[in-house]
Amino acid sequence: MRARFDSAYIRSELERIGQQLHEPLTVFLIGGGSMAFRGLKDTTKDIDLIVASGADLGQLQTVLLELRYDIVREPDDEYEELGAQRILENDDGCRIDVFNQQVIDKLVLSEGIRKRSERYLDSGNLVVELVSPEDIFLFKTVAGRVDDIEDMFSLMQTGLDFDIVEAELAAQIELLDQELFVTYVNEALADLTEQHNVRTPLHSPVAEITERVYEELEALHALDEPKSMPTLQQKLEYSMAELQDIVNRLEEKGAVAVSDDRVKRLSTTV
């Protein structure tokens, strides 16, 4: 079992980083570390940090190596393009996960997230911004870690403004230019309901988006070769009006092309 660390330990590690840095650096603290500093969680296994550029990522990694952290995971080229991640760990077993602008391939450090963040620590050359509870909740819905559902439930007790969460979800869809990640949000919300018997104002809009995404993926899967609309309808259980709506959405997303009454798949995802 991996070790867990309280807010005092996390703060001391961040202060050590600040004293070791030679140039100013701002990081955004998400996940359990941010919750610990807000008194919402006693301990956490990981310190999750987002930086604003590849240069910042390199600067932070250099300092962590100087502080005797070891690289646990080095991303491959494909992962690098998604938003380079480094996972480093010290002798105590404390892991620091560093994300460059994007958390895996699901959420981006948007302007809204930056503005809602609160400055928590200014130590040496390091500035630590705490991501808002609303944005932590959204991060938790896509992270897929063991403690995330419990953390989401704890965050709900703070009186989250779900209008902010929904608005940020819409902003992320626009920034990422895709809706597929919303299916992860839907799964997390379903788990939240199953484990704690609660619903949020986010459940309905997320379920609607997820239903659309699954409809579109089903249609794309059926388009193993170009098909006419009647032929496509035979493979799918939709009325012609419903199918036309799905194809129109896919065409708007650039996932299909319609020519001479035939639908051709251009992408396998949405």
C-alpha atoms as a PDB file:
ATOM      1  CA  MET A   1       0.000   0.000   0.000  1.00  0.00           C
ATOM      2  CA  ARG A   2       1.321   3.420  -0.965  1.00  0.00           C
ATOM      3  CA  ALA A   3       2.032   6.000   1.721  1.00  0.00           C
ATOM      4  CA  ARG A   4      -0.283   8.973   2.291  1.00  0.00           C
ATOM      5  CA  PHE A   5       0.744  12.515   3.181  1.00  0.00           C
ATOM      6  CA  ASP A   6      -0.957  15.354   5.045  1.00  0.00           C
ATOM      7  CA  SER A   7      -1.109  19.051   4.192  1.00  0.00           C
ATOM      8  CA  ALA A   8       1.912  19.883   6.377  1.00  0.00           C
ATOM      9  CA  TYR A   9       4.089  17.429   4.458  1.00  0.00           C
ATOM     10  CA  ILE A  10       2.821  18.663   1.086  1.00  0.00           C
ATOM     11  CA  ARG A  11       3.456  22.269   2.054  1.00  0.00           C
ATOM     12  CA  SER A  12       6.996  21.478   3.201  1.00  0.00           C
ATOM     13  CA  GLU A  13       7.740  19.761  -0.120  1.00  0.00           C
ATOM     14  CA  LEU A  14       6.376  22.698  -2.097  1.00  0.00           C
ATOM     15  CA  GLU A  15       8.454  25.094   0.007  1.00  0.00           C
ATOM     16  CA  ARG A  16      11.555  23.008  -0.683  1.00  0.00           C
ATOM     17  CA  ILE A  17      10.831  23.241  -4.388  1.00  0.00           C
ATOM     18  CA  GLY A  18      10.416  27.011  -4.138  1.00  0.00           C
ATOM     19  CA  GLN A  19      13.753  27.437  -2.385  1.00  0.00           C
ATOM     20  CA  GLN A  20      15.513  25.295  -4.994  1.00  0.00           C
ATOM     21  CA  LEU A  21      14.069  27.067  -8.046  1.00  0.00           C
ATOM     22  CA  HIS A  22      16.324  29.563  -9.807  1.00  0.00           C
ATOM     23  CA  GLU A  23      13.549  31.207 -11.850  1.00  0.00           C
ATOM     24  CA  PRO A  24       9.945  32.151 -10.961  1.00  0.00           C
ATOM     25  CA  LEU A  25       7.414  29.382 -11.544  1.00  0.00           C
ATOM     26  CA  THR A  26       3.653  29.202 -11.048  1.00  0.00           C
ATOM     27  CA  VAL A  27       1.942  25.838 -10.614  1.00  0.00           C
ATOM     28  CA  PHE A  28      -1.730  24.961 -10.208  1.00  0.00           C
ATOM     29  CA  LEU A  29      -2.494  22.406  -7.512  1.00  0.00           C
ATOM     30  CA  ILE A  30      -5.382  20.056  -8.259  1.00  0.00           C
ATOM     31  CA  GLY A  31      -6.716  16.866  -6.737  1.00  0.00           C
ATOM     32  CA  GLY A  32      -6.133  15.638  -3.198  1.00  0.00           C
ATOM     33  CA  GLY A  33      -3.373  18.124  -2.436  1.00  0.00           C
ATOM     34  CA  SER A  34      -5.672  21.057  -3.093  1.00  0.00           C
ATOM     35  CA  MET A  35      -8.420  19.402  -1.049  1.00  0.00           C
ATOM     36  CA  ALA A  36      -5.996  18.844   1.851  1.00  0.00           C
ATOM     37  CA  PHE A  37      -5.105  22.540   1.926  1.00  0.00           C
ATOM     38  CA  ARG A  38      -8.821  23.387   1.989  1.00  0.00           C
ATOM     39  CA  GLY A  39      -9.399  21.055   4.940  1.00  0.00           C
ATOM     40  CA  LEU A  40     -11.501  18.665   2.852  1.00  0.00           C
ATOM     41  CA  LYS A  41      -9.130  15.721   3.033  1.00  0.00           C
ATOM     42  CA  ASP A  42      -6.707  14.554   5.719  1.00  0.00           C
ATOM     43  CA  THR A  43      -4.141  12.872   3.481  1.00  0.00           C
ATOM     44  CA  THR A  44      -3.374  12.181  -0.171  1.00  0.00           C
ATOM     45  CA  LYS A  45      -1.084   9.845  -2.090  1.00  0.00           C
ATOM     46  CA  ASP A  46      -0.233  12.228  -4.934  1.00  0.00           C
ATOM     47  CA  ILE A  47       0.566  15.891  -5.438  1.00  0.00           C
ATOM     48  CA  ASP A  48      -0.987  16.826  -8.790  1.00  0.00           C
ATOM     49  CA  LEU A  49       0.436  19.951 -10.413  1.00  0.00           C
ATOM     50  CA  ILE A  50      -0.387  21.643 -13.715  1.00  0.00           C
ATOM     51  CA  VAL A  51       2.174  23.902 -15.376  1.00  0.00           C
ATOM     52  CA  ALA A  52       1.556  26.336 -18.206  1.00  0.00           C
ATOM     53  CA  SER A  53       4.290  25.309 -20.655  1.00  0.00           C
ATOM     54  CA  GLY A  54       6.847  22.719 -21.615  1.00  0.00           C
ATOM     55  CA  ALA A  55       9.581  25.039 -20.347  1.00  0.00           C
ATOM     56  CA  ASP A  56       7.907  25.158 -16.926  1.00  0.00           C
ATOM     57  CA  LEU A  57       7.632  21.375 -16.966  1.00  0.00           C
ATOM     58  CA  GLY A  58      11.348  21.034 -17.662  1.00  0.00           C
ATOM     59  CA  GLN A  59      12.230  23.572 -14.980  1.00  0.00           C
ATOM     60  CA  LEU A  60      10.151  21.772 -12.357  1.00  0.00           C
ATOM     61  CA  GLN A  61      11.485  18.350 -13.300  1.00  0.00           C
ATOM     62  CA  THR A  62      15.082  19.577 -13.026  1.00  0.00           C
ATOM     63  CA  VAL A  63      14.467  20.870  -9.509  1.00  0.00           C
ATOM     64  CA  LEU A  64      12.675  17.695  -8.416  1.00  0.00           C
ATOM     65  CA  LEU A  65      15.595  15.603  -9.614  1.00  0.00           C
ATOM     66  CA  GLU A  66      17.948  17.874  -7.665  1.00  0.00           C
ATOM     67  CA  LEU A  67      15.772  17.219  -4.597  1.00  0.00           C
ATOM     68  CA  ARG A  68      16.325  13.473  -5.069  1.00  0.00           C
ATOM     69  CA  TYR A  69      13.007  12.650  -6.673  1.00  0.00           C
ATOM     70  CA  ASP A  70      13.168   9.832  -9.223  1.00  0.00           C
ATOM     71  CA  ILE A  71      11.192   9.624 -12.459  1.00  0.00           C
ATOM     72  CA  VAL A  72       8.589   6.898 -12.179  1.00  0.00           C
ATOM     73  CA  ARG A  73       7.093   7.352 -15.602  1.00  0.00           C
ATOM     74  CA  GLU A  74       8.377   8.985 -18.781  1.00  0.00           C
ATOM     75  CA  PRO A  75       5.744   9.611 -21.464  1.00  0.00           C
ATOM     76  CA  ASP A  76       6.109   8.372 -25.027  1.00  0.00           C
ATOM     77  CA  ASP A  77       5.785  10.721 -28.014  1.00  0.00           C
ATOM     78  CA  GLU A  78       2.043  10.204 -28.351  1.00  0.00           C
ATOM     79  CA  TYR A  79       1.442  10.933 -24.659  1.00  0.00           C
ATOM     80  CA  GLU A  80       3.683  13.986 -24.945  1.00  0.00           C
ATOM     81  CA  GLU A  81       1.370  15.450 -27.571  1.00  0.00           C
ATOM     82  CA  LEU A  82      -1.643  14.960 -25.310  1.00  0.00           C
ATOM     83  CA  GLY A  83      -0.092  17.056 -22.555  1.00  0.00           C
ATOM     84  CA  ALA A  84       3.230  15.806 -21.310  1.00  0.00           C
ATOM     85  CA  GLN A  85       3.149  14.175 -17.917  1.00  0.00           C
ATOM     86  CA  ARG A  86       5.910  13.348 -15.480  1.00  0.00           C
ATOM     87  CA  ILE A  87       5.486  11.232 -12.383  1.00  0.00           C
ATOM     88  CA  LEU A  88       8.282  11.604  -9.855  1.00  0.00           C
ATOM     89  CA  GLU A  89       8.639  10.028  -6.422  1.00  0.00           C
ATOM     90  CA  ASN A  90      10.878  10.689  -3.413  1.00  0.00           C
ATOM     91  CA  ASP A  91      12.294   8.259  -0.859  1.00  0.00           C
ATOM     92  CA  ASP A  92       9.237   8.739   1.376  1.00  0.00           C
ATOM     93  CA  GLY A  93       6.999   7.447  -1.405  1.00  0.00           C
ATOM     94  CA  CYS A  94       5.461  10.844  -2.136  1.00  0.00           C
ATOM     95  CA  ARG A  95       4.560  11.146  -5.801  1.00  0.00           C
ATOM     96  CA  ILE A  96       4.323  14.381  -7.732  1.00  0.00           C
ATOM     97  CA  ASP A  97       2.371  14.183 -10.996  1.00  0.00           C
ATOM     98  CA  VAL A  98       3.149  17.069 -13.334  1.00  0.00           C
ATOM     99  CA  PHE A  99       0.869  17.927 -16.241  1.00  0.00           C
ATOM    100  CA  ASN A 100       1.718  20.351 -19.015  1.00  0.00           C
ATOM    101  CA  GLN A 101      -1.427  22.436 -19.649  1.00  0.00           C
ATOM    102  CA  GLN A 102      -3.626  19.354 -20.058  1.00  0.00           C
ATOM    103  CA  VAL A 103      -4.580  16.582 -17.664  1.00  0.00           C
ATOM    104  CA  ILE A 104      -4.019  13.464 -19.739  1.00  0.00           C
ATOM    105  CA  ASP A 105      -6.167  14.066 -22.850  1.00  0.00           C
ATOM    106  CA  LYS A 106      -9.340  15.118 -21.088  1.00  0.00           C
ATOM    107  CA  LEU A 107      -9.118  18.597 -19.524  1.00  0.00           C
ATOM    108  CA  VAL A 108      -7.190  21.742 -20.347  1.00  0.00           C
ATOM    109  CA  LEU A 109      -5.923  24.458 -18.009  1.00  0.00           C
ATOM    110  CA  SER A 110      -8.448  26.987 -19.292  1.00  0.00           C
ATOM    111  CA  GLU A 111      -8.623  30.709 -18.668  1.00  0.00           C
ATOM    112  CA  GLY A 112     -11.640  30.132 -16.428  1.00  0.00           C
ATOM    113  CA  ILE A 113      -9.771  27.615 -14.274  1.00  0.00           C
ATOM    114  CA  ARG A 114      -6.871  30.039 -13.918  1.00  0.00           C
ATOM    115  CA  LYS A 115      -9.134  32.921 -12.890  1.00  0.00           C
ATOM    116  CA  ARG A 116     -10.995  30.870 -10.295  1.00  0.00           C
ATOM    117  CA  SER A 117      -7.773  29.597  -8.710  1.00  0.00           C
ATOM    118  CA  GLU A 118      -6.606  31.127  -5.424  1.00  0.00           C
ATOM    119  CA  ARG A 119      -3.018  31.863  -4.470  1.00  0.00           C
ATOM    120  CA  TYR A 120      -2.063  29.660  -1.545  1.00  0.00           C
ATOM    121  CA  LEU A 121       1.715  29.696  -1.291  1.00  0.00           C
ATOM    122  CA  ASP A 122       4.478  32.044  -2.364  1.00  0.00           C
ATOM    123  CA  SER A 123       7.752  30.396  -1.384  1.00  0.00           C
ATOM    124  CA  GLY A 124      11.051  31.404  -2.923  1.00  0.00           C
ATOM    125  CA  ASN A 125      10.489  31.348  -6.674  1.00  0.00           C
ATOM    126  CA  LEU A 126       7.398  29.138  -6.481  1.00  0.00           C
ATOM    127  CA  VAL A 127       3.810  30.370  -6.567  1.00  0.00           C
ATOM    128  CA  VAL A 128       1.157  27.733  -5.853  1.00  0.00           C
ATOM    129  CA  GLU A 129      -2.411  28.393  -6.992  1.00  0.00           C
ATOM    130  CA  LEU A 130      -5.223  26.232  -5.594  1.00  0.00           C
ATOM    131  CA  VAL A 131      -7.723  25.199  -8.242  1.00  0.00           C
ATOM    132  CA  SER A 132     -11.327  25.961  -7.204  1.00  0.00           C
ATOM    133  CA  PRO A 133     -13.516  23.231  -5.646  1.00  0.00           C
ATOM    134  CA  GLU A 134     -15.773  23.325  -8.724  1.00  0.00           C
ATOM    135  CA  ASP A 135     -12.844  22.662 -11.039  1.00  0.00           C
ATOM    136  CA  ILE A 136     -11.407  19.978  -8.747  1.00  0.00           C
ATOM    137  CA  PHE A 137     -14.796  18.238  -8.938  1.00  0.00           C
ATOM    138  CA  LEU A 138     -14.625  18.277 -12.737  1.00  0.00           C
ATOM    139  CA  PHE A 139     -11.040  16.986 -12.697  1.00  0.00           C
ATOM    140  CA  LYS A 140     -12.114  14.185 -10.363  1.00  0.00           C
ATOM    141  CA  THR A 141     -14.803  13.047 -12.808  1.00  0.00           C
ATOM    142  CA  VAL A 142     -12.206  12.210 -15.466  1.00  0.00           C
ATOM    143  CA  ALA A 143      -9.186  11.136 -13.399  1.00  0.00           C
ATOM    144  CA  GLY A 144     -10.311   7.557 -12.809  1.00  0.00           C
ATOM    145  CA  ARG A 145      -8.501   7.010  -9.504  1.00  0.00           C
ATOM    146  CA  VAL A 146      -9.646   4.919  -6.555  1.00  0.00           C
ATOM    147  CA  ASP A 147     -10.459   7.814  -4.201  1.00  0.00           C
ATOM    148  CA  ASP A 148     -12.103  10.098  -6.757  1.00  0.00           C
ATOM    149  CA  ILE A 149     -15.753   9.241  -6.092  1.00  0.00           C
ATOM    150  CA  GLU A 150     -15.307   9.770  -2.340  1.00  0.00           C
ATOM    151  CA  ASP A 151     -13.549  13.049  -3.071  1.00  0.00           C
ATOM    152  CA  MET A 152     -16.392  14.154  -5.340  1.00  0.00           C
ATOM    153  CA  PHE A 153     -18.864  13.439  -2.542  1.00  0.00           C
ATOM    154  CA  SER A 154     -16.746  15.427  -0.067  1.00  0.00           C
ATOM    155  CA  LEU A 155     -16.568  18.346  -2.486  1.00  0.00           C
ATOM    156  CA  MET A 156     -20.358  18.331  -2.807  1.00  0.00           C
ATOM    157  CA  GLN A 157     -20.620  19.037   0.927  1.00  0.00           C
ATOM    158  CA  THR A 158     -18.976  22.439   0.361  1.00  0.00           C
ATOM    159  CA  GLY A 159     -21.960  23.721  -1.607  1.00  0.00           C
ATOM    160  CA  LEU A 160     -20.516  23.614  -5.112  1.00  0.00           C
ATOM    161  CA  ASP A 161     -21.855  26.006  -7.714  1.00  0.00           C
ATOM    162  CA  PHE A 162     -22.791  23.537 -10.433  1.00  0.00           C
ATOM    163  CA  ASP A 163     -23.492  26.367 -12.878  1.00  0.00           C
ATOM    164  CA  ILE A 164     -19.722  26.950 -12.811  1.00  0.00           C
ATOM    165  CA  VAL A 165     -19.015  23.239 -13.315  1.00  0.00           C
ATOM    166  CA  GLU A 166     -21.417  23.016 -16.256  1.00  0.00           C
ATOM    167  CA  ALA A 167     -20.028  26.193 -17.834  1.00  0.00           C
ATOM    168  CA  GLU A 168     -16.478  24.859 -17.514  1.00  0.00           C
ATOM    169  CA  LEU A 169     -17.563  21.552 -19.041  1.00  0.00           C
ATOM    170  CA  ALA A 170     -18.907  23.478 -22.043  1.00  0.00           C
ATOM    171  CA  ALA A 171     -15.652  25.452 -22.247  1.00  0.00           C
ATOM    172  CA  GLN A 172     -13.645  22.213 -22.207  1.00  0.00           C
ATOM    173  CA  ILE A 173     -15.748  20.758 -25.036  1.00  0.00           C
ATOM    174  CA  GLU A 174     -14.941  23.833 -27.106  1.00  0.00           C
ATOM    175  CA  LEU A 175     -11.230  23.820 -26.217  1.00  0.00           C
ATOM    176  CA  LEU A 176     -10.809  20.105 -26.886  1.00  0.00           C
ATOM    177  CA  ASP A 177     -13.093  20.227 -29.930  1.00  0.00           C
ATOM    178  CA  GLN A 178     -14.649  16.904 -28.911  1.00  0.00           C
ATOM    179  CA  GLU A 179     -17.269  15.479 -26.555  1.00  0.00           C
ATOM    180  CA  LEU A 180     -15.971  11.947 -26.046  1.00  0.00           C
ATOM    181  CA  PHE A 181     -14.386  12.812 -22.677  1.00  0.00           C
ATOM    182  CA  VAL A 182     -17.865  13.630 -21.346  1.00  0.00           C
ATOM    183  CA  THR A 183     -18.591   9.892 -21.272  1.00  0.00           C
ATOM    184  CA  TYR A 184     -15.973   9.600 -18.500  1.00  0.00           C
ATOM    185  CA  VAL A 185     -17.778  12.336 -16.579  1.00  0.00           C
ATOM    186  CA  ASN A 186     -21.023  10.422 -17.010  1.00  0.00           C
ATOM    187  CA  GLU A 187     -19.480   7.216 -15.632  1.00  0.00           C
ATOM    188  CA  ALA A 188     -18.128   9.036 -12.579  1.00  0.00           C
ATOM    189  CA  LEU A 189     -21.491  10.674 -11.884  1.00  0.00           C
ATOM    190  CA  ALA A 190     -23.219   7.295 -12.193  1.00  0.00           C
ATOM    191  CA  ASP A 191     -20.751   5.832  -9.679  1.00  0.00           C
ATOM    192  CA  LEU A 192     -21.397   8.793  -7.377  1.00  0.00           C
ATOM    193  CA  THR A 193     -25.127   8.092  -7.467  1.00  0.00           C
ATOM    194  CA  GLU A 194     -24.636   4.358  -6.959  1.00  0.00           C
ATOM    195  CA  GLN A 195     -22.273   4.746  -4.008  1.00  0.00           C
ATOM    196  CA  HIS A 196     -23.866   7.720  -2.242  1.00  0.00           C
ATOM    197  CA  ASN A 197     -27.426   7.911  -3.603  1.00  0.00           C
ATOM    198  CA  VAL A 198     -27.031  11.544  -4.677  1.00  0.00           C
ATOM    199  CA  ARG A 199     -27.587  13.425  -7.910  1.00  0.00           C
ATOM    200  CA  THR A 200     -26.189  16.727  -9.074  1.00  0.00           C
ATOM    201  CA  PRO A 201     -27.495  19.333 -11.528  1.00  0.00           C
ATOM    202  CA  LEU A 202     -24.726  18.059 -13.810  1.00  0.00           C
ATOM    203  CA  HIS A 203     -26.255  14.596 -14.202  1.00  0.00           C
ATOM    204  CA  SER A 204     -28.912  15.457 -16.806  1.00  0.00           C
ATOM    205  CA  PRO A 205     -26.865  17.598 -19.238  1.00  0.00           C
ATOM    206  CA  VAL A 206     -23.962  15.144 -19.075  1.00  0.00           C
ATOM    207  CA  ALA A 207     -26.289  12.189 -19.706  1.00  0.00           C
ATOM    208  CA  GLU A 208     -27.750  13.983 -22.740  1.00  0.00           C
ATOM    209  CA  ILE A 209     -24.304  14.633 -24.217  1.00  0.00           C
ATOM    210  CA  THR A 210     -23.248  11.048 -23.507  1.00  0.00           C
ATOM    211  CA  GLU A 211     -26.330   9.680 -25.262  1.00  0.00           C
ATOM    212  CA  ARG A 212     -25.528  11.799 -28.328  1.00  0.00           C
ATOM    213  CA  VAL A 213     -21.908  10.627 -28.325  1.00  0.00           C
ATOM    214  CA  TYR A 214     -22.919   6.955 -28.151  1.00  0.00           C
ATOM    215  CA  GLU A 215     -25.403   7.469 -31.002  1.00  0.00           C
ATOM    216  CA  GLU A 216     -22.669   9.041 -33.108  1.00  0.00           C
ATOM    217  CA  LEU A 217     -20.143   6.311 -32.288  1.00  0.00           C
ATOM    218  CA  GLU A 218     -22.698   3.639 -33.176  1.00  0.00           C
ATOM    219  CA  ALA A 219     -23.307   5.276 -36.552  1.00  0.00           C
ATOM    220  CA  LEU A 220     -19.576   5.585 -37.228  1.00  0.00           C
ATOM    221  CA  HIS A 221     -19.063   1.926 -36.368  1.00  0.00           C
ATOM    222  CA  ALA A 222     -21.743   0.972 -38.904  1.00  0.00           C
ATOM    223  CA  LEU A 223     -20.003   2.985 -41.627  1.00  0.00           C
ATOM    224  CA  ASP A 224     -17.282   0.429 -42.345  1.00  0.00           C
ATOM    225  CA  GLU A 225     -17.830   1.469 -45.956  1.00  0.00           C
ATOM    226  CA  PRO A 226     -19.833   4.323 -47.546  1.00  0.00           C
ATOM    227  CA  LYS A 227     -23.561   3.693 -47.299  1.00  0.00           C
ATOM    228  CA  SER A 228     -26.785   5.273 -48.418  1.00  0.00           C
ATOM    229  CA  MET A 229     -29.072   6.567 -45.702  1.00  0.00           C
ATOM    230  CA  PRO A 230     -31.642   3.757 -46.204  1.00  0.00           C
ATOM    231  CA  THR A 231     -28.880   1.129 -45.971  1.00  0.00           C
ATOM    232  CA  LEU A 232     -27.459   2.769 -42.864  1.00  0.00           C
ATOM    233  CA  GLN A 233     -30.925   2.902 -41.314  1.00  0.00           C
ATOM    234  CA  GLN A 234     -31.309  -0.843 -41.828  1.00  0.00           C
ATOM    235  CA  LYS A 235     -28.230  -1.419 -39.663  1.00  0.00           C
ATOM    236  CA  LEU A 236     -29.348   0.958 -36.925  1.00  0.00           C
ATOM    237  CA  GLU A 237     -32.539   1.174 -34.870  1.00  0.00           C
ATOM    238  CA  TYR A 238     -33.377   4.804 -35.585  1.00  0.00           C
ATOM    239  CA  SER A 239     -36.116   6.518 -37.529  1.00  0.00           C
ATOM    240  CA  MET A 240     -34.968   8.321 -40.661  1.00  0.00           C
ATOM    241  CA  ALA A 241     -35.443  11.663 -38.883  1.00  0.00           C
ATOM    242  CA  GLU A 242     -33.328  10.518 -35.927  1.00  0.00           C
ATOM    243  CA  LEU A 243     -30.635   9.132 -38.229  1.00  0.00           C
ATOM    244  CA  GLN A 244     -30.567  12.343 -40.252  1.00  0.00           C
ATOM    245  CA  ASP A 245     -29.981  14.302 -37.046  1.00  0.00           C
ATOM    246  CA  ILE A 246     -27.091  11.996 -36.074  1.00  0.00           C
ATOM    247  CA  VAL A 247     -25.501  12.251 -39.528  1.00  0.00           C
ATOM    248  CA  ASN A 248     -25.894  16.034 -39.503  1.00  0.00           C
ATOM    249  CA  ARG A 249     -24.058  16.205 -36.172  1.00  0.00           C
ATOM    250  CA  LEU A 250     -21.288  13.957 -37.449  1.00  0.00           C
ATOM    251  CA  GLU A 251     -20.973  16.058 -40.586  1.00  0.00           C
ATOM    252  CA  GLU A 252     -20.657  19.228 -38.498  1.00  0.00           C
ATOM    253  CA  LYS A 253     -17.856  17.545 -36.526  1.00  0.00           C
ATOM    254  CA  GLY A 254     -16.057  16.516 -39.707  1.00  0.00           C
ATOM    255  CA  ALA A 255     -16.465  12.835 -38.848  1.00  0.00           C
ATOM    256  CA  VAL A 256     -18.431  11.975 -42.000  1.00  0.00           C
ATOM    257  CA  ALA A 257     -18.921  13.364 -45.488  1.00  0.00           C
ATOM    258  CA  VAL A 258     -22.211  13.166 -47.376  1.00  0.00           C
ATOM    259  CA  SER A 259     -22.056  13.070 -51.165  1.00  0.00           C
ATOM    260  CA  ASP A 260     -24.498  11.735 -53.758  1.00  0.00           C
ATOM    261  CA  ASP A 261     -26.791  10.559 -50.951  1.00  0.00           C
ATOM    262  CA  ARG A 262     -24.029   8.379 -49.513  1.00  0.00           C
ATOM    263  CA  VAL A 263     -22.404   8.759 -46.114  1.00  0.00           C
ATOM    264  CA  LYS A 264     -18.648   8.179 -45.842  1.00  0.00           C
ATOM    265  CA  ARG A 265     -16.763   7.828 -42.562  1.00  0.00           C
ATOM    266  CA  LEU A 266     -13.826  10.217 -42.159  1.00  0.00           C
ATOM    267  CA  SER A 267     -13.044   9.524 -38.503  1.00  0.00           C
ATOM    268  CA  THR A 268     -13.581   6.705 -36.024  1.00  0.00           C
ATOM    269  CA  THR A 269     -14.187   8.994 -33.051  1.00  0.00           C
ATOM    270  CA  VAL A 270     -16.083  12.180 -32.202  1.00  0.00           C
END
